[in-house]
Amino acid sequence: FTISRENAKKMVFLQMNSLKPEDTAIYYCAASRFMSTQPM
């Protein structure tokens, strides 16, 4: 997977390659004002 962003369009992308059945899920994006030291 590769995450990227295009701030001029206020967009973030998640490119998912070599997908596996175990990747099946509901995917959510989430926002934080500051980058956390524990972002997970």
All heavy atoms as atom14 arrays in JSON, in Angstrom:
{
  "sequence": "FTISRENAKKMVFLQMNSLKPEDTAIYYCAASRFMSTQPM",
  "atom14_mask": [
    [1, 1, 1, 1, 1, 1, 1, 1, 1, 1, 1, 0, 0, 0],
    [1, 1, 1, 1, 1, 1, 1, 0, 0, 0, 0, 0, 0, 0],
    [1, 1, 1, 1, 1, 1, 1, 1, 0, 0, 0, 0, 0, 0],
    [1, 1, 1, 1, 1, 1, 0, 0, 0, 0, 0, 0, 0, 0],
    [1, 1, 1, 1, 1, 1, 1, 1, 1, 1, 1, 0, 0, 0],
    [1, 1, 1, 1, 1, 1, 1, 1, 1, 0, 0, 0, 0, 0],
    [1, 1, 1, 1, 1, 1, 1, 1, 0, 0, 0, 0, 0, 0],
    [1, 1, 1, 1, 1, 0, 0, 0, 0, 0, 0, 0, 0, 0],
    [1, 1, 1, 1, 1, 1, 1, 1, 1, 0, 0, 0, 0, 0],
    [1, 1, 1, 1, 1, 1, 1, 1, 1, 0, 0, 0, 0, 0],
    [1, 1, 1, 1, 1, 1, 1, 1, 0, 0, 0, 0, 0, 0],
    [1, 1, 1, 1, 1, 1, 1, 0, 0, 0, 0, 0, 0, 0],
    [1, 1, 1, 1, 1, 1, 1, 1, 1, 1, 1, 0, 0, 0],
    [1, 1, 1, 1, 1, 1, 1, 1, 0, 0, 0, 0, 0, 0],
    [1, 1, 1, 1, 1, 1, 1, 1, 1, 0, 0, 0, 0, 0],
    [1, 1, 1, 1, 1, 1, 1, 1, 0, 0, 0, 0, 0, 0],
    [1, 1, 1, 1, 1, 1, 1, 1, 0, 0, 0, 0, 0, 0],
    [1, 1, 1, 1, 1, 1, 0, 0, 0, 0, 0, 0, 0, 0],
    [1, 1, 1, 1, 1, 1, 1, 1, 0, 0, 0, 0, 0, 0],
    [1, 1, 1, 1, 1, 1, 1, 1, 1, 0, 0, 0, 0, 0],
    [1, 1, 1, 1, 1, 1, 1, 0, 0, 0, 0, 0, 0, 0],
    [1, 1, 1, 1, 1, 1, 1, 1, 1, 0, 0, 0, 0, 0],
    [1, 1, 1, 1, 1, 1, 1, 1, 0, 0, 0, 0, 0, 0],
    [1, 1, 1, 1, 1, 1, 1, 0, 0, 0, 0, 0, 0, 0],
    [1, 1, 1, 1, 1, 0, 0, 0, 0, 0, 0, 0, 0, 0],
    [1, 1, 1, 1, 1, 1, 1, 1, 0, 0, 0, 0, 0, 0],
    [1, 1, 1, 1, 1, 1, 1, 1, 1, 1, 1, 1, 0, 0],
    [1, 1, 1, 1, 1, 1, 1, 1, 1, 1, 1, 1, 0, 0],
    [1, 1, 1, 1, 1, 1, 0, 0, 0, 0, 0, 0, 0, 0],
    [1, 1, 1, 1, 1, 0, 0, 0, 0, 0, 0, 0, 0, 0],
    [1, 1, 1, 1, 1, 0, 0, 0, 0, 0, 0, 0, 0, 0],
    [1, 1, 1, 1, 1, 1, 0, 0, 0, 0, 0, 0, 0, 0],
    [1, 1, 1, 1, 1, 1, 1, 1, 1, 1, 1, 0, 0, 0],
    [1, 1, 1, 1, 1, 1, 1, 1, 1, 1, 1, 0, 0, 0],
    [1, 1, 1, 1, 1, 1, 1, 1, 0, 0, 0, 0, 0, 0],
    [1, 1, 1, 1, 1, 1, 0, 0, 0, 0, 0, 0, 0, 0],
    [1, 1, 1, 1, 1, 1, 1, 0, 0, 0, 0, 0, 0, 0],
    [1, 1, 1, 1, 1, 1, 1, 1, 1, 0, 0, 0, 0, 0],
    [1, 1, 1, 1, 1, 1, 1, 0, 0, 0, 0, 0, 0, 0],
    [1, 1, 1, 1, 1, 1, 1, 1, 0, 0, 0, 0, 0, 0]
  ],
  "atom14_positions": [
    [[0.84, -1.2, 0.0], [0.0, 0.0, 0.0], [0.87, 1.24, 0.0], [1.97, 1.26, 0.58], [-0.9, 0.05, 1.24], [-1.99, -1.0, 1.28], [-2.04, -2.04, 0.38], [-2.96, -0.93, 2.26], [-3.03, -3.0, 0.43], [-3.97, -1.88, 2.33], [-4.01, -2.91, 1.42], [0.0, 0.0, 0.0], [0.0, 0.0, 0.0], [0.0, 0.0, 0.0]],
    [[0.38, 2.3, -0.6], [1.07, 3.58, -0.63], [0.09, 4.7, -0.35], [-0.94, 4.81, -1.01], [1.75, 3.82, -1.98], [2.65, 2.76, -2.28], [2.53, 5.14, -1.96], [0.0, 0.0, 0.0], [0.0, 0.0, 0.0], [0.0, 0.0, 0.0], [0.0, 0.0, 0.0], [0.0, 0.0, 0.0], [0.0, 0.0, 0.0], [0.0, 0.0, 0.0]],
    [[0.41, 5.53, 0.62], [-0.41, 6.69, 0.93], [0.24, 7.93, 0.33], [1.47, 8.06, 0.33], [-0.63, 6.84, 2.45], [-1.67, 7.93, 2.73], [0.68, 7.13, 3.17], [-2.11, 7.97, 4.19], [0.0, 0.0, 0.0], [0.0, 0.0, 0.0], [0.0, 0.0, 0.0], [0.0, 0.0, 0.0], [0.0, 0.0, 0.0], [0.0, 0.0, 0.0]],
    [[-0.57, 8.83, -0.17], [-0.08, 10.08, -0.73], [-1.14, 11.14, -0.56], [-2.29, 10.84, -0.23], [0.29, 9.91, -2.21], [-0.84, 9.55, -2.97], [0.0, 0.0, 0.0], [0.0, 0.0, 0.0], [0.0, 0.0, 0.0], [0.0, 0.0, 0.0], [0.0, 0.0, 0.0], [0.0, 0.0, 0.0], [0.0, 0.0, 0.0], [0.0, 0.0, 0.0]],
    [[-0.76, 12.38, -0.78], [-1.75, 13.44, -0.67], [-1.48, 14.54, -1.69], [-0.35, 14.75, -2.12], [-1.82, 14.0, 0.76], [-0.59, 14.76, 1.24], [-0.7, 15.04, 2.75], [-1.93, 15.73, 3.09], [-2.44, 15.8, 4.32], [-1.82, 15.22, 5.35], [-3.57, 16.46, 4.54], [0.0, 0.0, 0.0], [0.0, 0.0, 0.0], [0.0, 0.0, 0.0]],
    [[-2.55, 15.21, -2.05], [-2.5, 16.33, -2.96], [-3.24, 17.47, -2.26], [-4.46, 17.59, -2.35], [-3.15, 15.98, -4.3], [-2.98, 17.03, -5.37], [-3.48, 16.56, -6.71], [-3.51, 15.33, -6.94], [-3.86, 17.41, -7.53], [0.0, 0.0, 0.0], [0.0, 0.0, 0.0], [0.0, 0.0, 0.0], [0.0, 0.0, 0.0], [0.0, 0.0, 0.0]],
    [[-2.47, 18.28, -1.56], [-3.07, 19.26, -0.66], [-3.86, 20.35, -1.39], [-4.81, 20.9, -0.83], [-2.0, 19.89, 0.22], [-1.54, 18.97, 1.32], [-2.18, 17.97, 1.62], [-0.41, 19.3, 1.94], [0.0, 0.0, 0.0], [0.0, 0.0, 0.0], [0.0, 0.0, 0.0], [0.0, 0.0, 0.0], [0.0, 0.0, 0.0], [0.0, 0.0, 0.0]],
    [[-3.45, 20.67, -2.61], [-4.18, 21.68, -3.36], [-5.63, 21.27, -3.59], [-6.52, 22.12, -3.7], [-3.5, 21.96, -4.69], [0.0, 0.0, 0.0], [0.0, 0.0, 0.0], [0.0, 0.0, 0.0], [0.0, 0.0, 0.0], [0.0, 0.0, 0.0], [0.0, 0.0, 0.0], [0.0, 0.0, 0.0], [0.0, 0.0, 0.0], [0.0, 0.0, 0.0]],
    [[-5.86, 19.96, -3.66], [-7.21, 19.44, -3.83], [-7.79, 18.91, -2.52], [-8.9, 18.38, -2.52], [-7.22, 18.33, -4.88], [-6.85, 18.81, -6.28], [-6.95, 17.68, -7.29], [-6.63, 18.17, -8.69], [-6.72, 17.07, -9.68], [0.0, 0.0, 0.0], [0.0, 0.0, 0.0], [0.0, 0.0, 0.0], [0.0, 0.0, 0.0], [0.0, 0.0, 0.0]],
    [[-7.02, 19.04, -1.44], [-7.44, 18.55, -0.12], [-7.79, 17.07, -0.17], [-8.8, 16.64, 0.41], [-8.6, 19.39, 0.43], [-8.26, 20.85, 0.63], [-9.45, 21.61, 1.18], [-9.11, 23.06, 1.49], [-8.73, 23.8, 0.27], [0.0, 0.0, 0.0], [0.0, 0.0, 0.0], [0.0, 0.0, 0.0], [0.0, 0.0, 0.0], [0.0, 0.0, 0.0]],
    [[-6.96, 16.31, -0.83], [-7.23, 14.9, -1.01], [-6.05, 14.04, -0.55], [-4.89, 14.43, -0.68], [-7.53, 14.58, -2.47], [-8.78, 15.23, -3.0], [-9.17, 14.76, -4.7], [-9.7, 13.05, -4.43], [0.0, 0.0, 0.0], [0.0, 0.0, 0.0], [0.0, 0.0, 0.0], [0.0, 0.0, 0.0], [0.0, 0.0, 0.0], [0.0, 0.0, 0.0]],
    [[-6.39, 12.89, -0.01], [-5.42, 11.87, 0.36], [-5.81, 10.58, -0.34], [-7.0, 10.25, -0.43], [-5.37, 11.66, 1.89], [-4.48, 10.48, 2.24], [-4.86, 12.92, 2.57], [0.0, 0.0, 0.0], [0.0, 0.0, 0.0], [0.0, 0.0, 0.0], [0.0, 0.0, 0.0], [0.0, 0.0, 0.0], [0.0, 0.0, 0.0], [0.0, 0.0, 0.0]],
    [[-4.82, 9.85, -0.83], [-5.06, 8.64, -1.58], [-4.41, 7.45, -0.9], [-3.37, 7.57, -0.26], [-4.52, 8.77, -3.01], [-5.05, 9.96, -3.74], [-4.31, 11.12, -3.82], [-6.29, 9.92, -4.34], [-4.79, 12.23, -4.49], [-6.78, 11.02, -5.02], [-6.03, 12.17, -5.1], [0.0, 0.0, 0.0], [0.0, 0.0, 0.0], [0.0, 0.0, 0.0]],
    [[-5.02, 6.31, -1.06], [-4.44, 5.05, -0.62], [-4.42, 4.11, -1.82], [-5.47, 3.6, -2.22], [-5.23, 4.44, 0.54], [-4.66, 3.12, 1.08], [-3.27, 3.33, 1.66], [-5.6, 2.53, 2.13], [0.0, 0.0, 0.0], [0.0, 0.0, 0.0], [0.0, 0.0, 0.0], [0.0, 0.0, 0.0], [0.0, 0.0, 0.0], [0.0, 0.0, 0.0]],
    [[-3.24, 3.92, -2.38], [-3.07, 3.0, -3.48], [-2.79, 1.62, -2.91], [-1.81, 1.43, -2.19], [-1.91, 3.44, -4.38], [-1.64, 2.5, -5.55], [-2.78, 2.48, -6.55], [-3.29, 3.53, -6.93], [-3.18, 1.3, -6.97], [0.0, 0.0, 0.0], [0.0, 0.0, 0.0], [0.0, 0.0, 0.0], [0.0, 0.0, 0.0], [0.0, 0.0, 0.0]],
    [[-3.64, 0.67, -3.22], [-3.55, -0.68, -2.68], [-3.25, -1.64, -3.82], [-4.07, -1.81, -4.72], [-4.84, -1.07, -1.96], [-5.25, -0.09, -0.86], [-6.7, -0.64, 0.07], [-7.95, -0.57, -1.22], [0.0, 0.0, 0.0], [0.0, 0.0, 0.0], [0.0, 0.0, 0.0], [0.0, 0.0, 0.0], [0.0, 0.0, 0.0], [0.0, 0.0, 0.0]],
    [[-2.09, -2.26, -3.76], [-1.67, -3.22, -4.76], [-1.52, -4.6, -4.13], [-1.42, -4.73, -2.91], [-0.35, -2.8, -5.39], [-0.43, -1.48, -6.12], [-1.46, -1.14, -6.7], [0.66, -0.72, -6.11], [0.0, 0.0, 0.0], [0.0, 0.0, 0.0], [0.0, 0.0, 0.0], [0.0, 0.0, 0.0], [0.0, 0.0, 0.0], [0.0, 0.0, 0.0]],
    [[-1.47, -5.61, -4.96], [-1.3, -6.99, -4.51], [-2.27, -7.33, -3.4], [-1.91, -7.89, -2.37], [0.15, -7.22, -4.05], [1.06, -6.96, -5.09], [0.0, 0.0, 0.0], [0.0, 0.0, 0.0], [0.0, 0.0, 0.0], [0.0, 0.0, 0.0], [0.0, 0.0, 0.0], [0.0, 0.0, 0.0], [0.0, 0.0, 0.0], [0.0, 0.0, 0.0]],
    [[-3.52, -7.01, -3.61], [-4.53, -7.19, -2.58], [-4.75, -8.66, -2.26], [-4.68, -9.53, -3.14], [-5.84, -6.54, -3.0], [-5.86, -5.02, -2.87], [-6.99, -4.43, -3.67], [-5.97, -4.63, -1.4], [0.0, 0.0, 0.0], [0.0, 0.0, 0.0], [0.0, 0.0, 0.0], [0.0, 0.0, 0.0], [0.0, 0.0, 0.0], [0.0, 0.0, 0.0]],
    [[-5.02, -8.91, -0.99], [-5.27, -10.25, -0.48], [-6.66, -10.32, 0.12], [-7.2, -9.3, 0.56], [-4.24, -10.6, 0.6], [-2.79, -10.47, 0.17], [-1.85, -10.7, 1.34], [-0.41, -10.54, 0.93], [0.51, -10.74, 2.09], [0.0, 0.0, 0.0], [0.0, 0.0, 0.0], [0.0, 0.0, 0.0], [0.0, 0.0, 0.0], [0.0, 0.0, 0.0]],
    [[-7.25, -11.51, 0.18], [-8.57, -11.62, 0.82], [-8.6, -11.07, 2.24], [-9.63, -10.53, 2.66], [-8.84, -13.13, 0.79], [-8.09, -13.6, -0.4], [-6.83, -12.77, -0.43], [0.0, 0.0, 0.0], [0.0, 0.0, 0.0], [0.0, 0.0, 0.0], [0.0, 0.0, 0.0], [0.0, 0.0, 0.0], [0.0, 0.0, 0.0], [0.0, 0.0, 0.0]],
    [[-7.51, -11.18, 2.97], [-7.47, -10.67, 4.33], [-7.46, -9.14, 4.4], [-7.56, -8.57, 5.49], [-6.26, -11.23, 5.1], [-4.95, -11.11, 4.36], [-4.57, -12.38, 3.62], [-5.45, -12.97, 2.95], [-3.4, -12.8, 3.72], [0.0, 0.0, 0.0], [0.0, 0.0, 0.0], [0.0, 0.0, 0.0], [0.0, 0.0, 0.0], [0.0, 0.0, 0.0]],
    [[-7.34, -8.48, 3.26], [-7.48, -7.02, 3.22], [-8.93, -6.58, 3.2], [-9.21, -5.39, 3.3], [-6.78, -6.45, 1.98], [-5.27, -6.64, 2.03], [-4.67, -6.47, 3.11], [-4.7, -6.96, 0.97], [0.0, 0.0, 0.0], [0.0, 0.0, 0.0], [0.0, 0.0, 0.0], [0.0, 0.0, 0.0], [0.0, 0.0, 0.0], [0.0, 0.0, 0.0]],
    [[-9.84, -7.52, 3.06], [-11.26, -7.2, 3.03], [-11.69, -6.54, 4.33], [-11.48, -7.09, 5.41], [-12.09, -8.46, 2.78], [-11.8, -8.98, 1.48], [-13.58, -8.16, 2.87], [0.0, 0.0, 0.0], [0.0, 0.0, 0.0], [0.0, 0.0, 0.0], [0.0, 0.0, 0.0], [0.0, 0.0, 0.0], [0.0, 0.0, 0.0], [0.0, 0.0, 0.0]],
    [[-12.28, -5.37, 4.23], [-12.69, -4.61, 5.4], [-13.37, -3.33, 4.94], [-13.35, -2.98, 3.77], [-11.48, -4.26, 6.27], [0.0, 0.0, 0.0], [0.0, 0.0, 0.0], [0.0, 0.0, 0.0], [0.0, 0.0, 0.0], [0.0, 0.0, 0.0], [0.0, 0.0, 0.0], [0.0, 0.0, 0.0], [0.0, 0.0, 0.0], [0.0, 0.0, 0.0]],
    [[-13.96, -2.64, 5.9], [-14.38, -1.27, 5.67], [-13.18, -0.38, 5.97], [-12.59, -0.48, 7.04], [-15.58, -0.88, 6.55], [-16.77, -1.77, 6.26], [-15.95, 0.58, 6.32], [-17.95, -1.54, 7.18], [0.0, 0.0, 0.0], [0.0, 0.0, 0.0], [0.0, 0.0, 0.0], [0.0, 0.0, 0.0], [0.0, 0.0, 0.0], [0.0, 0.0, 0.0]],
    [[-12.85, 0.48, 5.04], [-11.71, 1.37, 5.19], [-12.19, 2.77, 5.54], [-13.07, 3.31, 4.87], [-10.88, 1.38, 3.92], [-10.01, 0.16, 3.76], [-10.58, -1.08, 3.49], [-8.63, 0.24, 3.92], [-9.8, -2.21, 3.37], [-7.83, -0.89, 3.8], [-8.43, -2.11, 3.52], [-7.64, -3.23, 3.4], [0.0, 0.0, 0.0], [0.0, 0.0, 0.0]],
    [[-11.59, 3.34, 6.57], [-11.94, 4.66, 7.05], [-10.75, 5.6, 6.96], [-9.62, 5.2, 7.25], [-12.37, 4.62, 8.52], [-13.55, 3.74, 8.83], [-13.38, 2.39, 9.13], [-14.83, 4.26, 8.85], [-14.46, 1.58, 9.43], [-15.92, 3.46, 9.15], [-15.72, 2.12, 9.44], [-16.8, 1.32, 9.75], [0.0, 0.0, 0.0], [0.0, 0.0, 0.0]],
    [[-10.99, 6.84, 6.59], [-9.95, 7.84, 6.76], [-10.25, 8.65, 8.0], [-11.41, 8.79, 8.42], [-9.8, 8.75, 5.53], [-11.24, 9.74, 5.09], [0.0, 0.0, 0.0], [0.0, 0.0, 0.0], [0.0, 0.0, 0.0], [0.0, 0.0, 0.0], [0.0, 0.0, 0.0], [0.0, 0.0, 0.0], [0.0, 0.0, 0.0], [0.0, 0.0, 0.0]],
    [[-9.21, 9.16, 8.63], [-9.33, 9.88, 9.88], [-8.34, 11.04, 9.88], [-7.27, 10.95, 9.28], [-9.07, 8.96, 11.07], [0.0, 0.0, 0.0], [0.0, 0.0, 0.0], [0.0, 0.0, 0.0], [0.0, 0.0, 0.0], [0.0, 0.0, 0.0], [0.0, 0.0, 0.0], [0.0, 0.0, 0.0], [0.0, 0.0, 0.0], [0.0, 0.0, 0.0]],
    [[-8.68, 12.1, 10.59], [-7.87, 13.32, 10.59], [-7.46, 13.71, 12.01], [-8.24, 13.57, 12.96], [-8.62, 14.47, 9.95], [0.0, 0.0, 0.0], [0.0, 0.0, 0.0], [0.0, 0.0, 0.0], [0.0, 0.0, 0.0], [0.0, 0.0, 0.0], [0.0, 0.0, 0.0], [0.0, 0.0, 0.0], [0.0, 0.0, 0.0], [0.0, 0.0, 0.0]],
    [[-6.25, 14.22, 12.11], [-5.72, 14.75, 13.35], [-5.0, 16.06, 13.06], [-4.29, 16.16, 12.05], [-4.75, 13.76, 14.01], [-4.16, 14.31, 15.17], [0.0, 0.0, 0.0], [0.0, 0.0, 0.0], [0.0, 0.0, 0.0], [0.0, 0.0, 0.0], [0.0, 0.0, 0.0], [0.0, 0.0, 0.0], [0.0, 0.0, 0.0], [0.0, 0.0, 0.0]],
    [[-5.19, 17.05, 13.93], [-4.56, 18.35, 13.7], [-3.05, 18.26, 13.73], [-2.36, 18.94, 12.98], [-5.05, 19.36, 14.76], [-4.48, 20.76, 14.56], [-4.97, 21.36, 13.26], [-4.42, 22.69, 13.03], [-3.26, 22.92, 12.42], [-2.53, 21.9, 11.98], [-2.83, 24.16, 12.25], [0.0, 0.0, 0.0], [0.0, 0.0, 0.0], [0.0, 0.0, 0.0]],
    [[-2.51, 17.39, 14.56], [-1.08, 17.21, 14.68], [-0.73, 15.75, 14.54], [-1.51, 14.87, 14.91], [-0.56, 17.74, 16.02], [-0.81, 19.2, 16.24], [-1.86, 19.62, 17.04], [-0.01, 20.14, 15.65], [-2.09, 20.96, 17.24], [-0.23, 21.49, 15.83], [-1.28, 21.9, 16.63], [0.0, 0.0, 0.0], [0.0, 0.0, 0.0], [0.0, 0.0, 0.0]],
    [[0.46, 15.5, 14.02], [0.95, 14.14, 13.89], [1.29, 13.61, 15.27], [2.12, 14.17, 15.98], [2.19, 14.11, 13.0], [2.69, 12.72, 12.68], [1.6, 11.88, 11.5], [2.71, 10.62, 10.88], [0.0, 0.0, 0.0], [0.0, 0.0, 0.0], [0.0, 0.0, 0.0], [0.0, 0.0, 0.0], [0.0, 0.0, 0.0], [0.0, 0.0, 0.0]],
    [[0.64, 12.53, 15.65], [0.86, 11.94, 16.96], [2.14, 11.12, 16.98], [2.57, 10.58, 15.97], [-0.33, 11.04, 17.33], [-0.08, 10.36, 18.54], [0.0, 0.0, 0.0], [0.0, 0.0, 0.0], [0.0, 0.0, 0.0], [0.0, 0.0, 0.0], [0.0, 0.0, 0.0], [0.0, 0.0, 0.0], [0.0, 0.0, 0.0], [0.0, 0.0, 0.0]],
    [[2.74, 11.05, 18.17], [3.89, 10.16, 18.34], [3.46, 8.71, 18.38], [4.3, 7.81, 18.28], [4.66, 10.51, 19.62], [3.77, 10.44, 20.75], [5.25, 11.9, 19.54], [0.0, 0.0, 0.0], [0.0, 0.0, 0.0], [0.0, 0.0, 0.0], [0.0, 0.0, 0.0], [0.0, 0.0, 0.0], [0.0, 0.0, 0.0], [0.0, 0.0, 0.0]],
    [[2.17, 8.47, 18.55], [1.58, 7.13, 18.5], [0.4, 7.16, 17.52], [-0.76, 7.07, 17.92], [1.14, 6.68, 19.89], [2.25, 6.61, 20.9], [1.77, 6.12, 22.25], [1.23, 5.02, 22.38], [1.95, 6.94, 23.27], [0.0, 0.0, 0.0], [0.0, 0.0, 0.0], [0.0, 0.0, 0.0], [0.0, 0.0, 0.0], [0.0, 0.0, 0.0]],
    [[0.7, 7.26, 16.24], [-0.37, 7.49, 15.24], [-1.22, 6.28, 14.93], [-2.18, 6.41, 14.17], [0.43, 7.92, 14.0], [1.74, 7.22, 14.14], [2.03, 7.22, 15.63], [0.0, 0.0, 0.0], [0.0, 0.0, 0.0], [0.0, 0.0, 0.0], [0.0, 0.0, 0.0], [0.0, 0.0, 0.0], [0.0, 0.0, 0.0], [0.0, 0.0, 0.0]],
    [[-0.89, 5.12, 15.48], [-1.62, 3.9, 15.16], [-2.89, 3.7, 15.96], [-3.66, 2.77, 15.68], [-0.71, 2.68, 15.33], [-0.32, 2.33, 16.77], [0.73, 3.57, 17.59], [2.15, 3.58, 16.49], [0.0, 0.0, 0.0], [0.0, 0.0, 0.0], [0.0, 0.0, 0.0], [0.0, 0.0, 0.0], [0.0, 0.0, 0.0], [0.0, 0.0, 0.0]]
  ]
}
